[in-house]
Amino acid sequence: MAGKKSRKASTEKDDPEMIEVVLFKSDSCAFCPRAEEVVREAIENFGSDVFTLKVINVSENPEAAEEYGIFALPTVMIGGVSVTGIPEPDMLMKMVLGTKAMKKRKVRSK
């Protein structure tokens, strides 16, 4: 996993059904590798064709953390909702389901 940067199957602009998962990590963060592992496993278990995963290494791009308002690492953001620390798979699924519900509401209201 160490050599993987971000992998994107698609962007939300290409497919509005895709859910963007953003993981903020740092080279000096002791908990970040485990957080990334949990996120990747959850995505694979749920169905990787539903997600785009964007991994932002704030060691390389500190402005991104400021831009998103991230103050602690690791942080996972799904649908504008973030959780800091090593996420529980159940929490990730709740965030995903909440994001899917919000997207359906937006589509219906158009």
PDB file of N, CA and C in Angstrom:
ATOM      1  N   MET A   1       0.795  -1.207   0.000  1.00  0.00           N
ATOM      2  CA  MET A   1       0.000   0.000   0.000  1.00  0.00           C
ATOM      3  C   MET A   1       0.833   1.264   0.000  1.00  0.00           C
ATOM      4  N   ALA A   2       2.082   1.146   0.401  1.00  0.00           N
ATOM      5  CA  ALA A   2       2.911   2.333   0.551  1.00  0.00           C
ATOM      6  C   ALA A   2       3.097   3.091  -0.746  1.00  0.00           C
ATOM      7  N   GLY A   3       3.134   2.412  -1.888  1.00  0.00           N
ATOM      8  CA  GLY A   3       3.385   3.068  -3.145  1.00  0.00           C
ATOM      9  C   GLY A   3       2.150   3.671  -3.796  1.00  0.00           C
ATOM     10  N   LYS A   4       0.999   3.435  -3.255  1.00  0.00           N
ATOM     11  CA  LYS A   4      -0.226   3.906  -3.885  1.00  0.00           C
ATOM     12  C   LYS A   4      -0.482   5.359  -3.545  1.00  0.00           C
ATOM     13  N   LYS A   5      -0.762   6.129  -4.537  1.00  0.00           N
ATOM     14  CA  LYS A   5      -1.176   7.521  -4.321  1.00  0.00           C
ATOM     15  C   LYS A   5      -2.692   7.511  -4.326  1.00  0.00           C
ATOM     16  N   SER A   6      -3.296   8.353  -5.144  1.00  0.00           N
ATOM     17  CA  SER A   6      -4.748   8.332  -5.196  1.00  0.00           C
ATOM     18  C   SER A   6      -5.163   7.606  -6.455  1.00  0.00           C
ATOM     19  N   ARG A   7      -6.239   6.857  -6.356  1.00  0.00           N
ATOM     20  CA  ARG A   7      -6.743   6.227  -7.558  1.00  0.00           C
ATOM     21  C   ARG A   7      -8.179   6.667  -7.731  1.00  0.00           C
ATOM     22  N   LYS A   8      -8.488   7.047  -8.941  1.00  0.00           N
ATOM     23  CA  LYS A   8      -9.821   7.538  -9.239  1.00  0.00           C
ATOM     24  C   LYS A   8     -10.356   6.767 -10.423  1.00  0.00           C
ATOM     25  N   ALA A   9     -11.461   6.125 -10.243  1.00  0.00           N
ATOM     26  CA  ALA A   9     -12.097   5.427 -11.341  1.00  0.00           C
ATOM     27  C   ALA A   9     -12.866   6.409 -12.203  1.00  0.00           C
ATOM     28  N   SER A  10     -13.343   7.447 -11.590  1.00  0.00           N
ATOM     29  CA  SER A  10     -14.168   8.434 -12.273  1.00  0.00           C
ATOM     30  C   SER A  10     -14.179   9.679 -11.414  1.00  0.00           C
ATOM     31  N   THR A  11     -14.814  10.722 -11.888  1.00  0.00           N
ATOM     32  CA  THR A  11     -15.036  11.889 -11.048  1.00  0.00           C
ATOM     33  C   THR A  11     -16.528  12.066 -10.899  1.00  0.00           C
ATOM     34  N   GLU A  12     -16.923  12.791  -9.875  1.00  0.00           N
ATOM     35  CA  GLU A  12     -18.349  12.985  -9.656  1.00  0.00           C
ATOM     36  C   GLU A  12     -18.995  13.710 -10.819  1.00  0.00           C
ATOM     37  N   LYS A  13     -18.238  14.557 -11.520  1.00  0.00           N
ATOM     38  CA  LYS A  13     -18.796  15.265 -12.665  1.00  0.00           C
ATOM     39  C   LYS A  13     -19.137  14.290 -13.776  1.00  0.00           C
ATOM     40  N   ASP A  14     -18.320  13.217 -13.921  1.00  0.00           N
ATOM     41  CA  ASP A  14     -18.578  12.213 -14.946  1.00  0.00           C
ATOM     42  C   ASP A  14     -19.789  11.370 -14.592  1.00  0.00           C
ATOM     43  N   ASP A  15     -19.926  11.002 -13.340  1.00  0.00           N
ATOM     44  CA  ASP A  15     -21.003  10.123 -12.895  1.00  0.00           C
ATOM     45  C   ASP A  15     -21.530  10.616 -11.556  1.00  0.00           C
ATOM     46  N   PRO A  16     -22.710  11.243 -11.556  1.00  0.00           N
ATOM     47  CA  PRO A  16     -23.241  11.790 -10.306  1.00  0.00           C
ATOM     48  C   PRO A  16     -23.562  10.741  -9.250  1.00  0.00           C
ATOM     49  N   GLU A  17     -23.609   9.475  -9.633  1.00  0.00           N
ATOM     50  CA  GLU A  17     -23.868   8.409  -8.666  1.00  0.00           C
ATOM     51  C   GLU A  17     -22.610   8.043  -7.873  1.00  0.00           C
ATOM     52  N   MET A  18     -21.456   8.420  -8.375  1.00  0.00           N
ATOM     53  CA  MET A  18     -20.204   8.104  -7.690  1.00  0.00           C
ATOM     54  C   MET A  18     -20.103   8.907  -6.396  1.00  0.00           C
ATOM     55  N   ILE A  19     -19.575   8.272  -5.373  1.00  0.00           N
ATOM     56  CA  ILE A  19     -19.390   8.918  -4.080  1.00  0.00           C
ATOM     57  C   ILE A  19     -17.896   9.135  -3.886  1.00  0.00           C
ATOM     58  N   GLU A  20     -17.527  10.385  -3.623  1.00  0.00           N
ATOM     59  CA  GLU A  20     -16.124  10.694  -3.414  1.00  0.00           C
ATOM     60  C   GLU A  20     -15.761  10.504  -1.945  1.00  0.00           C
ATOM     61  N   VAL A  21     -14.742   9.705  -1.711  1.00  0.00           N
ATOM     62  CA  VAL A  21     -14.183   9.493  -0.384  1.00  0.00           C
ATOM     63  C   VAL A  21     -12.812  10.166  -0.401  1.00  0.00           C
ATOM     64  N   VAL A  22     -12.595  11.080   0.545  1.00  0.00           N
ATOM     65  CA  VAL A  22     -11.322  11.785   0.616  1.00  0.00           C
ATOM     66  C   VAL A  22     -10.645  11.400   1.926  1.00  0.00           C
ATOM     67  N   LEU A  23      -9.425  10.905   1.821  1.00  0.00           N
ATOM     68  CA  LEU A  23      -8.632  10.544   2.995  1.00  0.00           C
ATOM     69  C   LEU A  23      -7.477  11.520   3.094  1.00  0.00           C
ATOM     70  N   PHE A  24      -7.373  12.195   4.226  1.00  0.00           N
ATOM     71  CA  PHE A  24      -6.268  13.101   4.499  1.00  0.00           C
ATOM     72  C   PHE A  24      -5.291  12.360   5.396  1.00  0.00           C
ATOM     73  N   LYS A  25      -4.036  12.326   4.964  1.00  0.00           N
ATOM     74  CA  LYS A  25      -3.007  11.620   5.730  1.00  0.00           C
ATOM     75  C   LYS A  25      -1.715  12.413   5.675  1.00  0.00           C
ATOM     76  N   SER A  26      -0.726  11.924   6.431  1.00  0.00           N
ATOM     77  CA  SER A  26       0.582  12.568   6.476  1.00  0.00           C
ATOM     78  C   SER A  26       1.647  11.490   6.587  1.00  0.00           C
ATOM     79  N   ASP A  27       2.843  11.803   6.108  1.00  0.00           N
ATOM     80  CA  ASP A  27       3.953  10.855   6.204  1.00  0.00           C
ATOM     81  C   ASP A  27       4.349  10.576   7.651  1.00  0.00           C
ATOM     82  N   SER A  28       4.126  11.541   8.541  1.00  0.00           N
ATOM     83  CA  SER A  28       4.545  11.388   9.937  1.00  0.00           C
ATOM     84  C   SER A  28       3.432  10.877  10.852  1.00  0.00           C
ATOM     85  N   CYS A  29       2.281  10.578  10.303  1.00  0.00           N
ATOM     86  CA  CYS A  29       1.119  10.135  11.091  1.00  0.00           C
ATOM     87  C   CYS A  29       1.203   8.634  11.357  1.00  0.00           C
ATOM     88  N   ALA A  30       1.204   8.260  12.622  1.00  0.00           N
ATOM     89  CA  ALA A  30       1.300   6.845  12.992  1.00  0.00           C
ATOM     90  C   ALA A  30       0.019   6.069  12.693  1.00  0.00           C
ATOM     91  N   PHE A  31      -1.128   6.744  12.699  1.00  0.00           N
ATOM     92  CA  PHE A  31      -2.414   6.077  12.520  1.00  0.00           C
ATOM     93  C   PHE A  31      -2.897   6.084  11.073  1.00  0.00           C
ATOM     94  N   CYS A  32      -2.279   6.884  10.234  1.00  0.00           N
ATOM     95  CA  CYS A  32      -2.741   7.052   8.854  1.00  0.00           C
ATOM     96  C   CYS A  32      -2.683   5.777   8.005  1.00  0.00           C
ATOM     97  N   PRO A  33      -1.624   4.965   8.092  1.00  0.00           N
ATOM     98  CA  PRO A  33      -1.619   3.743   7.285  1.00  0.00           C
ATOM     99  C   PRO A  33      -2.791   2.812   7.613  1.00  0.00           C
ATOM    100  N   ARG A  34      -3.113   2.684   8.892  1.00  0.00           N
ATOM    101  CA  ARG A  34      -4.244   1.819   9.273  1.00  0.00           C
ATOM    102  C   ARG A  34      -5.559   2.424   8.806  1.00  0.00           C
ATOM    103  N   ALA A  35      -5.700   3.739   8.897  1.00  0.00           N
ATOM    104  CA  ALA A  35      -6.919   4.397   8.431  1.00  0.00           C
ATOM    105  C   ALA A  35      -7.104   4.163   6.937  1.00  0.00           C
ATOM    106  N   GLU A  36      -6.020   4.279   6.173  1.00  0.00           N
ATOM    107  CA  GLU A  36      -6.113   4.051   4.725  1.00  0.00           C
ATOM    108  C   GLU A  36      -6.501   2.607   4.426  1.00  0.00           C
ATOM    109  N   GLU A  37      -5.945   1.685   5.184  1.00  0.00           N
ATOM    110  CA  GLU A  37      -6.283   0.271   5.008  1.00  0.00           C
ATOM    111  C   GLU A  37      -7.770   0.026   5.264  1.00  0.00           C
ATOM    112  N   VAL A  38      -8.304   0.598   6.333  1.00  0.00           N
ATOM    113  CA  VAL A  38      -9.718   0.431   6.669  1.00  0.00           C
ATOM    114  C   VAL A  38     -10.605   1.028   5.571  1.00  0.00           C
ATOM    115  N   VAL A  39     -10.249   2.210   5.081  1.00  0.00           N
ATOM    116  CA  VAL A  39     -11.033   2.869   4.038  1.00  0.00           C
ATOM    117  C   VAL A  39     -11.025   2.033   2.760  1.00  0.00           C
ATOM    118  N   ARG A  40      -9.858   1.580   2.351  1.00  0.00           N
ATOM    119  CA  ARG A  40      -9.767   0.778   1.122  1.00  0.00           C
ATOM    120  C   ARG A  40     -10.541  -0.527   1.251  1.00  0.00           C
ATOM    121  N   GLU A  41     -10.467  -1.191   2.411  1.00  0.00           N
ATOM    122  CA  GLU A  41     -11.224  -2.433   2.630  1.00  0.00           C
ATOM    123  C   GLU A  41     -12.725  -2.163   2.585  1.00  0.00           C
ATOM    124  N   ALA A  42     -13.168  -1.083   3.210  1.00  0.00           N
ATOM    125  CA  ALA A  42     -14.592  -0.754   3.213  1.00  0.00           C
ATOM    126  C   ALA A  42     -15.091  -0.487   1.798  1.00  0.00           C
ATOM    127  N   ILE A  43     -14.291   0.222   1.013  1.00  0.00           N
ATOM    128  CA  ILE A  43     -14.671   0.509  -0.372  1.00  0.00           C
ATOM    129  C   ILE A  43     -14.773  -0.785  -1.172  1.00  0.00           C
ATOM    130  N   GLU A  44     -13.809  -1.662  -1.005  1.00  0.00           N
ATOM    131  CA  GLU A  44     -13.838  -2.938  -1.725  1.00  0.00           C
ATOM    132  C   GLU A  44     -15.038  -3.781  -1.299  1.00  0.00           C
ATOM    133  N   ASN A  45     -15.351  -3.792  -0.014  1.00  0.00           N
ATOM    134  CA  ASN A  45     -16.482  -4.577   0.480  1.00  0.00           C
ATOM    135  C   ASN A  45     -17.816  -4.020   0.004  1.00  0.00           C
ATOM    136  N   PHE A  46     -17.907  -2.711  -0.104  1.00  0.00           N
ATOM    137  CA  PHE A  46     -19.163  -2.084  -0.508  1.00  0.00           C
ATOM    138  C   PHE A  46     -19.336  -2.143  -2.018  1.00  0.00           C
ATOM    139  N   GLY A  47     -18.249  -2.131  -2.742  1.00  0.00           N
ATOM    140  CA  GLY A  47     -18.283  -2.137  -4.204  1.00  0.00           C
ATOM    141  C   GLY A  47     -17.498  -0.964  -4.739  1.00  0.00           C
ATOM    142  N   SER A  48     -16.306  -1.222  -5.214  1.00  0.00           N
ATOM    143  CA  SER A  48     -15.416  -0.140  -5.618  1.00  0.00           C
ATOM    144  C   SER A  48     -15.937   0.649  -6.813  1.00  0.00           C
ATOM    145  N   ASP A  49     -16.928   0.138  -7.525  1.00  0.00           N
ATOM    146  CA  ASP A  49     -17.480   0.867  -8.666  1.00  0.00           C
ATOM    147  C   ASP A  49     -18.399   2.011  -8.236  1.00  0.00           C
ATOM    148  N   VAL A  50     -18.655   2.120  -6.946  1.00  0.00           N
ATOM    149  CA  VAL A  50     -19.534   3.156  -6.407  1.00  0.00           C
ATOM    150  C   VAL A  50     -18.732   4.375  -5.949  1.00  0.00           C
ATOM    151  N   PHE A  51     -17.423   4.227  -5.783  1.00  0.00           N
ATOM    152  CA  PHE A  51     -16.603   5.248  -5.140  1.00  0.00           C
ATOM    153  C   PHE A  51     -15.486   5.768  -6.013  1.00  0.00           C
ATOM    154  N   THR A  52     -15.073   6.983  -5.699  1.00  0.00           N
ATOM    155  CA  THR A  52     -13.774   7.488  -6.114  1.00  0.00           C
ATOM    156  C   THR A  52     -13.028   7.748  -4.817  1.00  0.00           C
ATOM    157  N   LEU A  53     -11.789   7.319  -4.757  1.00  0.00           N
ATOM    158  CA  LEU A  53     -10.979   7.540  -3.567  1.00  0.00           C
ATOM    159  C   LEU A  53      -9.909   8.556  -3.900  1.00  0.00           C
ATOM    160  N   LYS A  54      -9.896   9.612  -3.132  1.00  0.00           N
ATOM    161  CA  LYS A  54      -8.886  10.658  -3.295  1.00  0.00           C
ATOM    162  C   LYS A  54      -8.080  10.685  -2.003  1.00  0.00           C
ATOM    163  N   VAL A  55      -6.793  10.376  -2.096  1.00  0.00           N
ATOM    164  CA  VAL A  55      -5.916  10.391  -0.936  1.00  0.00           C
ATOM    165  C   VAL A  55      -5.079  11.658  -1.021  1.00  0.00           C
ATOM    166  N   ILE A  56      -5.179  12.492   0.010  1.00  0.00           N
ATOM    167  CA  ILE A  56      -4.427  13.738   0.054  1.00  0.00           C
ATOM    168  C   ILE A  56      -3.381  13.629   1.153  1.00  0.00           C
ATOM    169  N   ASN A  57      -2.128  13.667   0.744  1.00  0.00           N
ATOM    170  CA  ASN A  57      -1.013  13.630   1.687  1.00  0.00           C
ATOM    171  C   ASN A  57      -0.682  15.080   2.036  1.00  0.00           C
ATOM    172  N   VAL A  58      -1.034  15.492   3.237  1.00  0.00           N
ATOM    173  CA  VAL A  58      -0.825  16.886   3.626  1.00  0.00           C
ATOM    174  C   VAL A  58       0.647  17.221   3.864  1.00  0.00           C
ATOM    175  N   SER A  59       1.504  16.204   3.937  1.00  0.00           N
ATOM    176  CA  SER A  59       2.946  16.455   3.986  1.00  0.00           C
ATOM    177  C   SER A  59       3.401  17.044   2.658  1.00  0.00           C
ATOM    178  N   GLU A  60       2.786  16.583   1.582  1.00  0.00           N
ATOM    179  CA  GLU A  60       3.118  17.047   0.239  1.00  0.00           C
ATOM    180  C   GLU A  60       2.266  18.242  -0.190  1.00  0.00           C
ATOM    181  N   ASN A  61       1.070  18.363   0.382  1.00  0.00           N
ATOM    182  CA  ASN A  61       0.121  19.388  -0.032  1.00  0.00           C
ATOM    183  C   ASN A  61      -0.579  19.992   1.192  1.00  0.00           C
ATOM    184  N   PRO A  62       0.138  20.776   2.006  1.00  0.00           N
ATOM    185  CA  PRO A  62      -0.452  21.305   3.241  1.00  0.00           C
ATOM    186  C   PRO A  62      -1.613  22.271   2.995  1.00  0.00           C
ATOM    187  N   GLU A  63      -1.647  22.912   1.830  1.00  0.00           N
ATOM    188  CA  GLU A  63      -2.742  23.844   1.527  1.00  0.00           C
ATOM    189  C   GLU A  63      -4.086  23.126   1.443  1.00  0.00           C
ATOM    190  N   ALA A  64      -4.060  21.852   1.036  1.00  0.00           N
ATOM    191  CA  ALA A  64      -5.304  21.096   0.906  1.00  0.00           C
ATOM    192  C   ALA A  64      -6.001  20.941   2.249  1.00  0.00           C
ATOM    193  N   ALA A  65      -5.239  20.703   3.302  1.00  0.00           N
ATOM    194  CA  ALA A  65      -5.836  20.569   4.634  1.00  0.00           C
ATOM    195  C   ALA A  65      -6.525  21.867   5.031  1.00  0.00           C
ATOM    196  N   GLU A  66      -5.868  22.984   4.781  1.00  0.00           N
ATOM    197  CA  GLU A  66      -6.468  24.288   5.088  1.00  0.00           C
ATOM    198  C   GLU A  66      -7.722  24.520   4.257  1.00  0.00           C
ATOM    199  N   GLU A  67      -7.638  24.185   2.978  1.00  0.00           N
ATOM    200  CA  GLU A  67      -8.761  24.385   2.064  1.00  0.00           C
ATOM    201  C   GLU A  67     -10.011  23.640   2.532  1.00  0.00           C
ATOM    202  N   TYR A  68      -9.818  22.423   3.026  1.00  0.00           N
ATOM    203  CA  TYR A  68     -10.935  21.600   3.486  1.00  0.00           C
ATOM    204  C   TYR A  68     -11.250  21.802   4.969  1.00  0.00           C
ATOM    205  N   GLY A  69     -10.441  22.565   5.674  1.00  0.00           N
ATOM    206  CA  GLY A  69     -10.666  22.789   7.099  1.00  0.00           C
ATOM    207  C   GLY A  69     -10.300  21.588   7.956  1.00  0.00           C
ATOM    208  N   ILE A  70      -9.258  20.872   7.565  1.00  0.00           N
ATOM    209  CA  ILE A  70      -8.816  19.680   8.290  1.00  0.00           C
ATOM    210  C   ILE A  70      -7.715  20.080   9.268  1.00  0.00           C
ATOM    211  N   PHE A  71      -7.913  19.731  10.546  1.00  0.00           N
ATOM    212  CA  PHE A  71      -6.957  20.113  11.585  1.00  0.00           C
ATOM    213  C   PHE A  71      -6.301  18.923  12.267  1.00  0.00           C
ATOM    214  N   ALA A  72      -6.779  17.717  12.007  1.00  0.00           N
ATOM    215  CA  ALA A  72      -6.227  16.520  12.639  1.00  0.00           C
ATOM    216  C   ALA A  72      -6.186  15.389  11.619  1.00  0.00           C
ATOM    217  N   LEU A  73      -5.267  14.466  11.829  1.00  0.00           N
ATOM    218  CA  LEU A  73      -5.102  13.345  10.905  1.00  0.00           C
ATOM    219  C   LEU A  73      -5.120  12.029  11.649  1.00  0.00           C
ATOM    220  N   PRO A  74      -5.515  10.978  11.008  1.00  0.00           N
ATOM    221  CA  PRO A  74      -6.132  10.901   9.696  1.00  0.00           C
ATOM    222  C   PRO A  74      -7.574  11.397   9.749  1.00  0.00           C
ATOM    223  N   THR A  75      -8.046  11.922   8.641  1.00  0.00           N
ATOM    224  CA  THR A  75      -9.437  12.346   8.517  1.00  0.00           C
ATOM    225  C   THR A  75      -9.998  11.781   7.227  1.00  0.00           C
ATOM    226  N   VAL A  76     -11.209  11.237   7.317  1.00  0.00           N
ATOM    227  CA  VAL A  76     -11.925  10.733   6.151  1.00  0.00           C
ATOM    228  C   VAL A  76     -13.128  11.629   5.947  1.00  0.00           C
ATOM    229  N   MET A  77     -13.319  12.091   4.705  1.00  0.00           N
ATOM    230  CA  MET A  77     -14.457  12.940   4.378  1.00  0.00           C
ATOM    231  C   MET A  77     -15.281  12.255   3.286  1.00  0.00           C
ATOM    232  N   ILE A  78     -16.571  12.118   3.562  1.00  0.00           N
ATOM    233  CA  ILE A  78     -17.496  11.534   2.601  1.00  0.00           C
ATOM    234  C   ILE A  78     -18.712  12.441   2.552  1.00  0.00           C
ATOM    235  N   GLY A  79     -19.000  12.964   1.394  1.00  0.00           N
ATOM    236  CA  GLY A  79     -20.177  13.818   1.236  1.00  0.00           C
ATOM    237  C   GLY A  79     -20.151  15.046   2.117  1.00  0.00           C
ATOM    238  N   GLY A  80     -18.987  15.596   2.360  1.00  0.00           N
ATOM    239  CA  GLY A  80     -18.869  16.796   3.186  1.00  0.00           C
ATOM    240  C   GLY A  80     -18.866  16.533   4.677  1.00  0.00           C
ATOM    241  N   VAL A  81     -19.047  15.280   5.084  1.00  0.00           N
ATOM    242  CA  VAL A  81     -19.022  14.901   6.501  1.00  0.00           C
ATOM    243  C   VAL A  81     -17.677  14.237   6.759  1.00  0.00           C
ATOM    244  N   SER A  82     -17.026  14.631   7.856  1.00  0.00           N
ATOM    245  CA  SER A  82     -15.709  14.060   8.125  1.00  0.00           C
ATOM    246  C   SER A  82     -15.654  13.374   9.477  1.00  0.00           C
ATOM    247  N   VAL A  83     -14.764  12.401   9.560  1.00  0.00           N
ATOM    248  CA  VAL A  83     -14.494  11.694  10.807  1.00  0.00           C
ATOM    249  C   VAL A  83     -12.971  11.614  10.940  1.00  0.00           C
ATOM    250  N   THR A  84     -12.490  11.912  12.137  1.00  0.00           N
ATOM    251  CA  THR A  84     -11.052  11.929  12.391  1.00  0.00           C
ATOM    252  C   THR A  84     -10.667  10.693  13.187  1.00  0.00           C
ATOM    253  N   GLY A  85      -9.500  10.158  12.889  1.00  0.00           N
ATOM    254  CA  GLY A  85      -9.009   8.954  13.548  1.00  0.00           C
ATOM    255  C   GLY A  85      -9.179   7.757  12.635  1.00  0.00           C
ATOM    256  N   ILE A  86      -8.909   6.588  13.165  1.00  0.00           N
ATOM    257  CA  ILE A  86      -9.100   5.371  12.388  1.00  0.00           C
ATOM    258  C   ILE A  86     -10.601   5.089  12.370  1.00  0.00           C
ATOM    259  N   PRO A  87     -11.209   5.155  11.183  1.00  0.00           N
ATOM    260  CA  PRO A  87     -12.668   5.025  11.130  1.00  0.00           C
ATOM    261  C   PRO A  87     -13.122   3.583  11.326  1.00  0.00           C
ATOM    262  N   GLU A  88     -14.259   3.450  11.964  1.00  0.00           N
ATOM    263  CA  GLU A  88     -14.899   2.142  12.078  1.00  0.00           C
ATOM    264  C   GLU A  88     -15.617   1.873  10.758  1.00  0.00           C
ATOM    265  N   PRO A  89     -15.541   0.649  10.239  1.00  0.00           N
ATOM    266  CA  PRO A  89     -16.238   0.345   8.986  1.00  0.00           C
ATOM    267  C   PRO A  89     -17.732   0.679   9.033  1.00  0.00           C
ATOM    268  N   ASP A  90     -18.382   0.452  10.176  1.00  0.00           N
ATOM    269  CA  ASP A  90     -19.803   0.782  10.300  1.00  0.00           C
ATOM    270  C   ASP A  90     -20.043   2.276  10.132  1.00  0.00           C
ATOM    271  N   MET A  91     -19.155   3.088  10.681  1.00  0.00           N
ATOM    272  CA  MET A  91     -19.292   4.539  10.552  1.00  0.00           C
ATOM    273  C   MET A  91     -19.142   4.950   9.091  1.00  0.00           C
ATOM    274  N   LEU A  92     -18.185   4.353   8.397  1.00  0.00           N
ATOM    275  CA  LEU A  92     -18.005   4.664   6.977  1.00  0.00           C
ATOM    276  C   LEU A  92     -19.259   4.317   6.182  1.00  0.00           C
ATOM    277  N   MET A  93     -19.857   3.170   6.483  1.00  0.00           N
ATOM    278  CA  MET A  93     -21.067   2.769   5.758  1.00  0.00           C
ATOM    279  C   MET A  93     -22.224   3.723   6.034  1.00  0.00           C
ATOM    280  N   LYS A  94     -22.348   4.193   7.267  1.00  0.00           N
ATOM    281  CA  LYS A  94     -23.394   5.170   7.592  1.00  0.00           C
ATOM    282  C   LYS A  94     -23.166   6.469   6.837  1.00  0.00           C
ATOM    283  N   MET A  95     -21.908   6.883   6.732  1.00  0.00           N
ATOM    284  CA  MET A  95     -21.589   8.099   5.980  1.00  0.00           C
ATOM    285  C   MET A  95     -21.922   7.923   4.501  1.00  0.00           C
ATOM    286  N   VAL A  96     -21.615   6.752   3.970  1.00  0.00           N
ATOM    287  CA  VAL A  96     -21.901   6.462   2.560  1.00  0.00           C
ATOM    288  C   VAL A  96     -23.403   6.463   2.316  1.00  0.00           C
ATOM    289  N   LEU A  97     -24.138   5.779   3.169  1.00  0.00           N
ATOM    290  CA  LEU A  97     -25.592   5.715   2.995  1.00  0.00           C
ATOM    291  C   LEU A  97     -26.223   7.095   3.122  1.00  0.00           C
ATOM    292  N   GLY A  98     -25.710   7.904   4.037  1.00  0.00           N
ATOM    293  CA  GLY A  98     -26.209   9.271   4.169  1.00  0.00           C
ATOM    294  C   GLY A  98     -25.933  10.087   2.924  1.00  0.00           C
ATOM    295  N   THR A  99     -24.765   9.907   2.342  1.00  0.00           N
ATOM    296  CA  THR A  99     -24.409  10.623   1.117  1.00  0.00           C
ATOM    297  C   THR A  99     -25.288  10.180  -0.041  1.00  0.00           C
ATOM    298  N   LYS A 100     -25.534   8.863  -0.153  1.00  0.00           N
ATOM    299  CA  LYS A 100     -26.406   8.359  -1.222  1.00  0.00           C
ATOM    300  C   LYS A 100     -27.809   8.924  -1.076  1.00  0.00           C
ATOM    301  N   ALA A 101     -28.320   8.991   0.150  1.00  0.00           N
ATOM    302  CA  ALA A 101     -29.658   9.534   0.380  1.00  0.00           C
ATOM    303  C   ALA A 101     -29.724  11.009  -0.011  1.00  0.00           C
ATOM    304  N   MET A 102     -28.681  11.761   0.327  1.00  0.00           N
ATOM    305  CA  MET A 102     -28.645  13.183  -0.028  1.00  0.00           C
ATOM    306  C   MET A 102     -28.606  13.365  -1.543  1.00  0.00           C
ATOM    307  N   LYS A 103     -27.849  12.533  -2.242  1.00  0.00           N
ATOM    308  CA  LYS A 103     -27.769  12.638  -3.692  1.00  0.00           C
ATOM    309  C   LYS A 103     -29.119  12.339  -4.333  1.00  0.00           C
ATOM    310  N   LYS A 104     -29.836  11.352  -3.793  1.00  0.00           N
ATOM    311  CA  LYS A 104     -31.155  11.018  -4.340  1.00  0.00           C
ATOM    312  C   LYS A 104     -32.122  12.176  -4.130  1.00  0.00           C
ATOM    313  N   ARG A 105     -32.046  12.827  -2.974  1.00  0.00           N
ATOM    314  CA  ARG A 105     -32.912  13.987  -2.719  1.00  0.00           C
ATOM    315  C   ARG A 105     -32.625  15.102  -3.702  1.00  0.00           C
ATOM    316  N   LYS A 106     -31.343  15.351  -3.967  1.00  0.00           N
ATOM    317  CA  LYS A 106     -30.970  16.412  -4.907  1.00  0.00           C
ATOM    318  C   LYS A 106     -31.475  16.109  -6.299  1.00  0.00           C
ATOM    319  N   VAL A 107     -31.387  14.846  -6.721  1.00  0.00           N
ATOM    320  CA  VAL A 107     -31.848  14.451  -8.044  1.00  0.00           C
ATOM    321  C   VAL A 107     -33.356  14.621  -8.145  1.00  0.00           C
ATOM    322  N   ARG A 108     -34.084  14.239  -7.126  1.00  0.00           N
ATOM    323  CA  ARG A 108     -35.550  14.345  -7.138  1.00  0.00           C
ATOM    324  C   ARG A 108     -36.014  15.803  -7.140  1.00  0.00           C
ATOM    325  N   SER A 109     -35.262  16.668  -6.465  1.00  0.00           N
ATOM    326  CA  SER A 109     -35.706  18.055  -6.353  1.00  0.00           C
ATOM    327  C   SER A 109     -35.415  18.863  -7.612  1.00  0.00           C
ATOM    328  N   LYS A 110     -34.633  18.315  -8.547  1.00  0.00           N
ATOM    329  CA  LYS A 110     -34.313  19.055  -9.784  1.00  0.00           C
ATOM    330  C   LYS A 110     -35.416  19.014 -10.773  1.00  0.00           C
TER     331      LYS A 110
END
